[in-house]
């Protein structure tokens, strides 16, 4: 596989950002997006009275992780 010249140029100029999706990060042992939000909710504890409702909404796919973050 040949690497495009423009990609090599960007890399040499420190102008390249690599985005790795959940498949790669989860295989590295990092939490999924939903597990990360659940962890944040756990850390909030009693400061977030709707914590359990948000966790249920995530589990039942009623709310997305981003929607939960916007609420807390």
PDB file of N, CA and C in Angstrom:
ATOM      1  N   UNK A   1       0.840  -1.175   0.000  1.00  0.00           N
ATOM      2  CA  UNK A   1       0.000   0.000   0.000  1.00  0.00           C
ATOM      3  C   UNK A   1       0.885   1.237   0.000  1.00  0.00           C
ATOM      4  N   UNK A   2       0.608   2.133  -0.896  1.00  0.00           N
ATOM      5  CA  UNK A   2       1.389   3.363  -0.992  1.00  0.00           C
ATOM      6  C   UNK A   2       0.731   4.474  -0.172  1.00  0.00           C
ATOM      7  N   UNK A   3       1.535   5.122   0.656  1.00  0.00           N
ATOM      8  CA  UNK A   3       1.030   6.223   1.482  1.00  0.00           C
ATOM      9  C   UNK A   3       1.020   7.490   0.631  1.00  0.00           C
ATOM     10  N   UNK A   4      -0.112   8.186   0.574  1.00  0.00           N
ATOM     11  CA  UNK A   4      -0.195   9.411  -0.228  1.00  0.00           C
ATOM     12  C   UNK A   4       0.849  10.444   0.207  1.00  0.00           C
ATOM     13  N   UNK A   5       1.437  11.112  -0.782  1.00  0.00           N
ATOM     14  CA  UNK A   5       2.471  12.114  -0.529  1.00  0.00           C
ATOM     15  C   UNK A   5       1.957  13.222   0.391  1.00  0.00           C
ATOM     16  N   UNK A   6       0.724  13.648   0.193  1.00  0.00           N
ATOM     17  CA  UNK A   6       0.169  14.728   1.022  1.00  0.00           C
ATOM     18  C   UNK A   6       0.090  14.313   2.495  1.00  0.00           C
ATOM     19  N   UNK A   7      -0.175  13.043   2.742  1.00  0.00           N
ATOM     20  CA  UNK A   7      -0.237  12.536   4.110  1.00  0.00           C
ATOM     21  C   UNK A   7       1.149  12.552   4.753  1.00  0.00           C
ATOM     22  N   UNK A   8       2.152  12.160   4.012  1.00  0.00           N
ATOM     23  CA  UNK A   8       3.531  12.178   4.508  1.00  0.00           C
ATOM     24  C   UNK A   8       3.969  13.608   4.799  1.00  0.00           C
ATOM     25  N   UNK A   9       3.598  14.543   3.915  1.00  0.00           N
ATOM     26  CA  UNK A   9       3.951  15.953   4.124  1.00  0.00           C
ATOM     27  C   UNK A   9       3.313  16.495   5.400  1.00  0.00           C
ATOM     28  N   UNK A  10       2.051  16.185   5.616  1.00  0.00           N
ATOM     29  CA  UNK A  10       1.365  16.643   6.832  1.00  0.00           C
ATOM     30  C   UNK A  10       2.020  16.048   8.078  1.00  0.00           C
ATOM     31  N   UNK A  11       2.408  14.779   7.999  1.00  0.00           N
ATOM     32  CA  UNK A  11       3.053  14.128   9.128  1.00  0.00           C
ATOM     33  C   UNK A  11       4.389  14.807   9.437  1.00  0.00           C
ATOM     34  N   UNK A  12       5.172  15.111   8.412  1.00  0.00           N
ATOM     35  CA  UNK A  12       6.471  15.748   8.604  1.00  0.00           C
ATOM     36  C   UNK A  12       6.348  17.163   9.165  1.00  0.00           C
ATOM     37  N   UNK A  13       5.217  17.812   8.941  1.00  0.00           N
ATOM     38  CA  UNK A  13       4.987  19.178   9.439  1.00  0.00           C
ATOM     39  C   UNK A  13       4.233  19.183  10.773  1.00  0.00           C
ATOM     40  N   UNK A  14       4.080  18.003  11.368  1.00  0.00           N
ATOM     41  CA  UNK A  14       3.314  17.872  12.621  1.00  0.00           C
ATOM     42  C   UNK A  14       1.905  18.429  12.478  1.00  0.00           C
ATOM     43  N   UNK A  15       1.294  18.189  11.341  1.00  0.00           N
ATOM     44  CA  UNK A  15      -0.063  18.648  11.066  1.00  0.00           C
ATOM     45  C   UNK A  15      -1.027  17.476  10.882  1.00  0.00           C
ATOM     46  N   UNK A  16      -0.673  16.345  11.444  1.00  0.00           N
ATOM     47  CA  UNK A  16      -1.471  15.144  11.257  1.00  0.00           C
ATOM     48  C   UNK A  16      -2.048  14.691  12.591  1.00  0.00           C
ATOM     49  N   UNK A  17      -3.326  14.428  12.595  1.00  0.00           N
ATOM     50  CA  UNK A  17      -3.994  13.901  13.780  1.00  0.00           C
ATOM     51  C   UNK A  17      -4.617  12.564  13.397  1.00  0.00           C
ATOM     52  N   UNK A  18      -4.361  11.561  14.199  1.00  0.00           N
ATOM     53  CA  UNK A  18      -4.937  10.245  13.946  1.00  0.00           C
ATOM     54  C   UNK A  18      -6.137  10.069  14.865  1.00  0.00           C
ATOM     55  N   UNK A  19      -7.259   9.745  14.284  1.00  0.00           N
ATOM     56  CA  UNK A  19      -8.468   9.491  15.061  1.00  0.00           C
ATOM     57  C   UNK A  19      -8.700   7.991  15.084  1.00  0.00           C
ATOM     58  N   UNK A  20      -8.738   7.440  16.282  1.00  0.00           N
ATOM     59  CA  UNK A  20      -9.011   6.010  16.445  1.00  0.00           C
ATOM     60  C   UNK A  20     -10.384   5.858  17.073  1.00  0.00           C
ATOM     61  N   UNK A  21     -11.245   5.118  16.450  1.00  0.00           N
ATOM     62  CA  UNK A  21     -12.611   4.937  16.935  1.00  0.00           C
ATOM     63  C   UNK A  21     -12.693   3.954  18.094  1.00  0.00           C
ATOM     64  N   UNK A  22     -13.916   3.698  18.513  1.00  0.00           N
ATOM     65  CA  UNK A  22     -14.171   2.867  19.692  1.00  0.00           C
ATOM     66  C   UNK A  22     -13.637   1.446  19.534  1.00  0.00           C
ATOM     67  N   UNK A  23     -13.648   0.920  18.333  1.00  0.00           N
ATOM     68  CA  UNK A  23     -13.156  -0.441  18.131  1.00  0.00           C
ATOM     69  C   UNK A  23     -11.710  -0.595  18.566  1.00  0.00           C
ATOM     70  N   UNK A  24     -10.896   0.365  18.231  1.00  0.00           N
ATOM     71  CA  UNK A  24      -9.486   0.318  18.609  1.00  0.00           C
ATOM     72  C   UNK A  24      -9.305   0.599  20.094  1.00  0.00           C
ATOM     73  N   UNK A  25      -9.975   1.626  20.596  1.00  0.00           N
ATOM     74  CA  UNK A  25      -9.789   1.996  22.003  1.00  0.00           C
ATOM     75  C   UNK A  25     -10.340   0.930  22.948  1.00  0.00           C
ATOM     76  N   UNK A  26     -11.465   0.338  22.622  1.00  0.00           N
ATOM     77  CA  UNK A  26     -12.031  -0.706  23.491  1.00  0.00           C
ATOM     78  C   UNK A  26     -11.134  -1.942  23.508  1.00  0.00           C
ATOM     79  N   UNK A  27     -10.526  -2.273  22.368  1.00  0.00           N
ATOM     80  CA  UNK A  27      -9.599  -3.404  22.329  1.00  0.00           C
ATOM     81  C   UNK A  27      -8.350  -3.132  23.161  1.00  0.00           C
ATOM     82  N   UNK A  28      -8.066  -1.847  23.402  1.00  0.00           N
ATOM     83  CA  UNK A  28      -6.921  -1.467  24.230  1.00  0.00           C
ATOM     84  C   UNK A  28      -7.288  -1.426  25.712  1.00  0.00           C
ATOM     85  N   UNK A  29      -8.540  -1.788  26.029  1.00  0.00           N
ATOM     86  CA  UNK A  29      -8.963  -1.838  27.425  1.00  0.00           C
ATOM     87  C   UNK A  29      -9.604  -0.563  27.938  1.00  0.00           C
ATOM     88  N   UNK A  30      -9.830   0.405  27.064  1.00  0.00           N
ATOM     89  CA  UNK A  30     -10.490   1.642  27.476  1.00  0.00           C
ATOM     90  C   UNK A  30     -12.003   1.441  27.482  1.00  0.00           C
ATOM     91  N   UNK A  31     -12.728   2.234  28.273  1.00  0.00           N
ATOM     92  CA  UNK A  31     -14.183   2.038  28.361  1.00  0.00           C
ATOM     93  C   UNK A  31     -14.906   2.465  27.090  1.00  0.00           C
ATOM     94  N   UNK A  32     -16.064   1.854  26.875  1.00  0.00           N
ATOM     95  CA  UNK A  32     -16.923   2.294  25.772  1.00  0.00           C
ATOM     96  C   UNK A  32     -17.491   3.660  26.133  1.00  0.00           C
ATOM     97  N   UNK A  33     -18.095   4.306  25.181  1.00  0.00           N
ATOM     98  CA  UNK A  33     -18.711   5.618  25.381  1.00  0.00           C
ATOM     99  C   UNK A  33     -19.760   5.533  26.494  1.00  0.00           C
ATOM    100  N   UNK A  34     -20.597   4.515  26.462  1.00  0.00           N
ATOM    101  CA  UNK A  34     -21.645   4.363  27.483  1.00  0.00           C
ATOM    102  C   UNK A  34     -21.026   4.059  28.851  1.00  0.00           C
ATOM    103  N   UNK A  35     -20.010   3.203  28.894  1.00  0.00           N
ATOM    104  CA  UNK A  35     -19.351   2.907  30.171  1.00  0.00           C
ATOM    105  C   UNK A  35     -18.695   4.157  30.754  1.00  0.00           C
ATOM    106  N   UNK A  36     -18.147   4.990  29.895  1.00  0.00           N
ATOM    107  CA  UNK A  36     -17.539   6.235  30.352  1.00  0.00           C
ATOM    108  C   UNK A  36     -18.583   7.155  30.985  1.00  0.00           C
ATOM    109  N   UNK A  37     -19.738   7.292  30.343  1.00  0.00           N
ATOM    110  CA  UNK A  37     -20.808   8.142  30.877  1.00  0.00           C
ATOM    111  C   UNK A  37     -21.337   7.562  32.188  1.00  0.00           C
ATOM    112  N   UNK A  38     -21.505   6.249  32.244  1.00  0.00           N
ATOM    113  CA  UNK A  38     -21.950   5.619  33.493  1.00  0.00           C
ATOM    114  C   UNK A  38     -20.946   5.872  34.621  1.00  0.00           C
ATOM    115  N   UNK A  39     -19.672   5.853  34.304  1.00  0.00           N
ATOM    116  CA  UNK A  39     -18.649   6.152  35.300  1.00  0.00           C
ATOM    117  C   UNK A  39     -18.736   7.585  35.799  1.00  0.00           C
ATOM    118  N   UNK A  40     -19.001   8.505  34.882  1.00  0.00           N
ATOM    119  CA  UNK A  40     -19.177   9.911  35.270  1.00  0.00           C
ATOM    120  C   UNK A  40     -20.388  10.045  36.185  1.00  0.00           C
ATOM    121  N   UNK A  41     -21.466   9.372  35.826  1.00  0.00           N
ATOM    122  CA  UNK A  41     -22.669   9.420  36.665  1.00  0.00           C
ATOM    123  C   UNK A  41     -22.390   8.851  38.055  1.00  0.00           C
ATOM    124  N   UNK A  42     -21.636   7.758  38.110  1.00  0.00           N
ATOM    125  CA  UNK A  42     -21.278   7.177  39.409  1.00  0.00           C
ATOM    126  C   UNK A  42     -20.445   8.155  40.235  1.00  0.00           C
ATOM    127  N   UNK A  43     -19.511   8.827  39.575  1.00  0.00           N
ATOM    128  CA  UNK A  43     -18.657   9.784  40.280  1.00  0.00           C
ATOM    129  C   UNK A  43     -19.456  10.969  40.823  1.00  0.00           C
ATOM    130  N   UNK A  44     -20.513  11.347  40.118  1.00  0.00           N
ATOM    131  CA  UNK A  44     -21.346  12.460  40.581  1.00  0.00           C
ATOM    132  C   UNK A  44     -22.125  12.095  41.840  1.00  0.00           C
ATOM    133  N   UNK A  45     -22.447  10.826  41.975  1.00  0.00           N
ATOM    134  CA  UNK A  45     -23.150  10.352  43.167  1.00  0.00           C
ATOM    135  C   UNK A  45     -24.429  11.123  43.443  1.00  0.00           C
ATOM    136  N   UNK A  46     -24.566  11.588  44.676  1.00  0.00           N
ATOM    137  CA  UNK A  46     -25.782  12.286  45.100  1.00  0.00           C
ATOM    138  C   UNK A  46     -25.912  13.685  44.501  1.00  0.00           C
ATOM    139  N   UNK A  47     -24.858  14.177  43.877  1.00  0.00           N
ATOM    140  CA  UNK A  47     -24.928  15.500  43.239  1.00  0.00           C
ATOM    141  C   UNK A  47     -25.860  15.490  42.031  1.00  0.00           C
ATOM    142  N   UNK A  48     -26.111  14.297  41.492  1.00  0.00           N
ATOM    143  CA  UNK A  48     -27.015  14.161  40.339  1.00  0.00           C
ATOM    144  C   UNK A  48     -28.177  13.269  40.748  1.00  0.00           C
ATOM    145  N   UNK A  49     -29.304  13.879  41.161  1.00  0.00           N
ATOM    146  CA  UNK A  49     -30.439  13.087  41.646  1.00  0.00           C
ATOM    147  C   UNK A  49     -31.076  12.189  40.582  1.00  0.00           C
ATOM    148  N   UNK A  50     -30.887  12.500  39.306  1.00  0.00           N
ATOM    149  CA  UNK A  50     -31.481  11.690  38.235  1.00  0.00           C
ATOM    150  C   UNK A  50     -30.503  10.657  37.684  1.00  0.00           C
ATOM    151  N   UNK A  51     -29.430  10.408  38.415  1.00  0.00           N
ATOM    152  CA  UNK A  51     -28.380   9.498  37.958  1.00  0.00           C
ATOM    153  C   UNK A  51     -28.935   8.156  37.492  1.00  0.00           C
ATOM    154  N   UNK A  52     -29.763   7.520  38.309  1.00  0.00           N
ATOM    155  CA  UNK A  52     -30.285   6.192  37.962  1.00  0.00           C
ATOM    156  C   UNK A  52     -31.209   6.247  36.747  1.00  0.00           C
ATOM    157  N   UNK A  53     -31.973   7.309  36.619  1.00  0.00           N
ATOM    158  CA  UNK A  53     -32.847   7.460  35.446  1.00  0.00           C
ATOM    159  C   UNK A  53     -32.018   7.603  34.174  1.00  0.00           C
ATOM    160  N   UNK A  54     -30.927   8.365  34.253  1.00  0.00           N
ATOM    161  CA  UNK A  54     -30.057   8.521  33.088  1.00  0.00           C
ATOM    162  C   UNK A  54     -29.384   7.198  32.727  1.00  0.00           C
ATOM    163  N   UNK A  55     -28.965   6.440  33.731  1.00  0.00           N
ATOM    164  CA  UNK A  55     -28.340   5.141  33.463  1.00  0.00           C
ATOM    165  C   UNK A  55     -29.330   4.193  32.783  1.00  0.00           C
ATOM    166  N   UNK A  56     -30.566   4.193  33.269  1.00  0.00           N
ATOM    167  CA  UNK A  56     -31.599   3.361  32.645  1.00  0.00           C
ATOM    168  C   UNK A  56     -31.880   3.818  31.219  1.00  0.00           C
ATOM    169  N   UNK A  57     -31.917   5.123  31.008  1.00  0.00           N
ATOM    170  CA  UNK A  57     -32.177   5.662  29.670  1.00  0.00           C
ATOM    171  C   UNK A  57     -31.066   5.266  28.702  1.00  0.00           C
ATOM    172  N   UNK A  58     -29.831   5.241  29.178  1.00  0.00           N
ATOM    173  CA  UNK A  58     -28.720   4.779  28.338  1.00  0.00           C
ATOM    174  C   UNK A  58     -28.866   3.299  28.015  1.00  0.00           C
ATOM    175  N   UNK A  59     -29.142   2.504  29.052  1.00  0.00           N
ATOM    176  CA  UNK A  59     -29.260   1.049  28.880  1.00  0.00           C
ATOM    177  C   UNK A  59     -30.379   0.701  27.902  1.00  0.00           C
ATOM    178  N   UNK A  60     -31.511   1.405  28.027  1.00  0.00           N
ATOM    179  CA  UNK A  60     -32.675   1.129  27.183  1.00  0.00           C
ATOM    180  C   UNK A  60     -32.645   1.886  25.858  1.00  0.00           C
ATOM    181  N   UNK A  61     -31.543   2.607  25.611  1.00  0.00           N
ATOM    182  CA  UNK A  61     -31.343   3.376  24.378  1.00  0.00           C
ATOM    183  C   UNK A  61     -32.427   4.424  24.163  1.00  0.00           C
ATOM    184  N   UNK A  62     -32.933   4.976  25.264  1.00  0.00           N
ATOM    185  CA  UNK A  62     -33.903   6.066  25.190  1.00  0.00           C
ATOM    186  C   UNK A  62     -33.162   7.384  24.982  1.00  0.00           C
ATOM    187  N   UNK A  63     -31.969   7.472  25.560  1.00  0.00           N
ATOM    188  CA  UNK A  63     -31.111   8.643  25.402  1.00  0.00           C
ATOM    189  C   UNK A  63     -29.741   8.188  24.909  1.00  0.00           C
ATOM    190  N   UNK A  64     -29.080   9.055  24.160  1.00  0.00           N
ATOM    191  CA  UNK A  64     -27.711   8.783  23.733  1.00  0.00           C
ATOM    192  C   UNK A  64     -26.754   9.287  24.818  1.00  0.00           C
ATOM    193  N   UNK A  65     -25.520   8.820  24.791  1.00  0.00           N
ATOM    194  CA  UNK A  65     -24.549   9.336  25.761  1.00  0.00           C
ATOM    195  C   UNK A  65     -24.417  10.861  25.706  1.00  0.00           C
ATOM    196  N   UNK A  66     -24.430  11.423  24.525  1.00  0.00           N
ATOM    197  CA  UNK A  66     -24.313  12.877  24.396  1.00  0.00           C
ATOM    198  C   UNK A  66     -25.512  13.591  25.013  1.00  0.00           C
ATOM    199  N   UNK A  67     -26.690  13.037  24.845  1.00  0.00           N
ATOM    200  CA  UNK A  67     -27.881  13.637  25.456  1.00  0.00           C
ATOM    201  C   UNK A  67     -27.774  13.629  26.981  1.00  0.00           C
ATOM    202  N   UNK A  68     -27.253  12.542  27.533  1.00  0.00           N
ATOM    203  CA  UNK A  68     -27.081  12.474  28.987  1.00  0.00           C
ATOM    204  C   UNK A  68     -26.048  13.506  29.440  1.00  0.00           C
ATOM    205  N   UNK A  69     -24.940  13.595  28.728  1.00  0.00           N
ATOM    206  CA  UNK A  69     -23.923  14.586  29.089  1.00  0.00           C
ATOM    207  C   UNK A  69     -24.488  16.000  29.074  1.00  0.00           C
ATOM    208  N   UNK A  70     -25.315  16.296  28.096  1.00  0.00           N
ATOM    209  CA  UNK A  70     -25.911  17.632  28.015  1.00  0.00           C
ATOM    210  C   UNK A  70     -26.841  17.916  29.188  1.00  0.00           C
ATOM    211  N   UNK A  71     -27.417  16.890  29.777  1.00  0.00           N
ATOM    212  CA  UNK A  71     -28.334  17.063  30.911  1.00  0.00           C
ATOM    213  C   UNK A  71     -27.589  17.248  32.232  1.00  0.00           C
ATOM    214  N   UNK A  72     -26.426  16.638  32.341  1.00  0.00           N
ATOM    215  CA  UNK A  72     -25.695  16.745  33.606  1.00  0.00           C
ATOM    216  C   UNK A  72     -24.746  17.904  33.530  1.00  0.00           C
TER     217      UNK A  72
END
